[in-house]
Amino acid sequence: MSHRGTRVLRLDALARVEGEAALHLRVQEETVTEARLRIYEPPRFFEAFLIGRGHTEPPDITARICGICPVAYQMSACQAIENACGVTVDGPLAELRRLLYCGEWIESHTLHIYLL
């Protein structure tokens, strides 16, 4: 299916972990000619309290950012350290991480449905 002319796609609310954003795209022919992302809340600068810390500390520190989704922050810190060191995780450890993410997803949705 082909569209001719100018199209505008507006997503007036994008959910984020903590807050909302909006995405506005302008498409001419098959090319995006303008993209604007508006984030409505100020940055929280969590990375600032990791400056000067040892490489083993960020996973434990970042896990305390959010009580509902600690695994996401902890695994992101682990992946950042691994990327900086050129390490690739696969096999059973990667599968265990996926299981942790799935468990957190179930917990988060359960809390949202029944308590929030």
Protein backbone atom coordinates (compact mmCIF):
# COMPACT_ATOMS: atom_id res chain seq x y z
CA MET A 1 0.00 0.00 0.00
CA SER A 2 1.41 3.36 -1.01
CA HIS A 3 0.55 6.80 0.36
CA ARG A 4 1.13 9.99 -1.58
CA GLY A 5 1.47 13.46 -0.15
CA THR A 6 2.13 14.50 3.41
CA ARG A 7 0.98 12.50 6.40
CA VAL A 8 1.29 13.43 10.04
CA LEU A 9 1.43 10.80 12.75
CA ARG A 10 0.84 12.07 16.28
CA LEU A 11 1.18 9.98 19.39
CA ASP A 12 0.05 12.37 22.07
CA ALA A 13 0.94 10.11 24.98
CA LEU A 14 3.86 7.70 25.19
CA ALA A 15 4.22 5.78 28.41
CA ARG A 16 7.66 5.58 30.00
CA VAL A 17 8.84 3.91 33.17
CA GLU A 18 8.48 7.18 35.08
CA GLY A 19 6.45 9.72 33.16
CA GLU A 20 5.07 10.45 29.73
CA ALA A 21 6.22 11.72 26.35
CA ALA A 22 4.73 12.57 22.96
CA LEU A 23 6.05 11.70 19.50
CA HIS A 24 5.14 13.75 16.40
CA LEU A 25 6.23 12.53 12.95
CA ARG A 26 5.72 14.20 9.57
CA VAL A 27 5.95 11.84 6.61
CA GLN A 28 6.24 12.99 2.98
CA GLU A 29 5.96 10.24 0.41
CA GLU A 30 7.82 7.41 2.16
CA THR A 31 10.27 9.58 4.12
CA VAL A 32 10.03 10.95 7.64
CA THR A 33 10.83 14.65 7.21
CA GLU A 34 10.32 15.76 10.80
CA ALA A 35 10.41 13.94 14.13
CA ARG A 36 9.80 15.62 17.48
CA LEU A 37 9.88 13.88 20.84
CA ARG A 38 8.64 15.83 23.85
CA ILE A 39 9.36 14.51 27.33
CA TYR A 40 7.31 16.21 30.01
CA GLU A 41 9.35 15.58 33.10
CA PRO A 42 12.88 16.68 33.89
CA PRO A 43 15.78 14.22 33.77
CA ARG A 44 16.60 12.55 37.06
CA PHE A 45 20.38 12.18 36.51
CA PHE A 46 20.74 8.88 38.36
CA GLU A 47 24.06 8.31 36.61
CA ALA A 48 25.55 11.18 38.66
CA PHE A 49 25.64 9.15 41.86
CA LEU A 50 27.55 6.38 40.08
CA ILE A 51 30.52 8.59 39.19
CA GLY A 52 33.66 7.42 40.97
CA ARG A 53 32.16 4.10 42.08
CA GLY A 54 33.83 0.76 41.52
CA HIS A 55 32.62 -1.49 38.72
CA THR A 56 30.91 -3.88 41.17
CA GLU A 57 28.70 -1.23 42.80
CA PRO A 58 26.31 0.01 40.07
CA PRO A 59 24.09 -3.12 39.93
CA ASP A 60 23.35 -2.92 43.67
CA ILE A 61 22.92 0.87 43.70
CA THR A 62 20.69 1.07 40.62
CA ALA A 63 18.46 -1.76 41.85
CA ARG A 64 17.24 0.63 44.55
CA ILE A 65 16.01 3.30 42.14
CA CYS A 66 12.58 1.71 41.85
CA GLY A 67 10.88 -0.72 44.20
CA ILE A 68 8.65 -2.11 41.47
CA CYS A 69 11.25 -2.70 38.74
CA PRO A 70 14.67 -3.27 40.34
CA VAL A 71 15.67 -6.01 37.88
CA ALA A 72 15.48 -3.67 34.88
CA TYR A 73 17.84 -1.17 36.51
CA GLN A 74 20.16 -3.86 37.84
CA MET A 75 20.42 -5.69 34.52
CA SER A 76 20.95 -2.41 32.65
CA ALA A 77 23.87 -1.62 34.95
CA CYS A 78 25.30 -5.12 34.41
CA GLN A 79 24.96 -4.78 30.63
CA ALA A 80 26.65 -1.35 30.68
CA ILE A 81 29.60 -2.78 32.61
CA GLU A 82 29.78 -5.78 30.26
CA ASN A 83 29.69 -3.52 27.20
CA ALA A 84 32.47 -1.36 28.65
CA CYS A 85 34.59 -4.48 29.24
CA GLY A 86 33.74 -6.12 25.92
CA VAL A 87 32.03 -9.08 27.59
CA THR A 88 29.19 -11.04 25.98
CA VAL A 89 26.82 -13.08 28.14
CA ASP A 90 25.04 -16.05 26.59
CA GLY A 91 23.87 -19.55 27.43
CA PRO A 92 22.35 -20.36 30.83
CA LEU A 93 23.20 -16.96 32.31
CA ALA A 94 21.39 -15.13 29.50
CA GLU A 95 18.42 -17.46 29.99
CA LEU A 96 18.41 -16.77 33.73
CA ARG A 97 18.41 -13.04 33.05
CA ARG A 98 15.43 -13.45 30.72
CA LEU A 99 13.63 -15.38 33.46
CA LEU A 100 14.34 -12.55 35.93
CA TYR A 101 12.91 -10.01 33.46
CA CYS A 102 9.80 -12.13 32.95
CA GLY A 103 9.31 -12.48 36.71
CA GLU A 104 9.59 -8.74 37.15
CA TRP A 105 7.12 -8.17 34.31
CA ILE A 106 4.58 -10.47 35.98
CA GLU A 107 5.10 -8.79 39.36
CA SER A 108 4.83 -5.29 37.89
CA HIS A 109 1.62 -6.04 36.04
CA THR A 110 0.11 -7.81 39.04
CA LEU A 111 0.86 -4.82 41.26
CA HIS A 112 -0.55 -2.45 38.66
CA ILE A 113 -3.79 -4.41 38.24
CA TYR A 114 -4.48 -5.02 41.91
CA LEU A 115 -2.83 -2.21 43.86
CA LEU A 116 -2.06 0.86 41.76
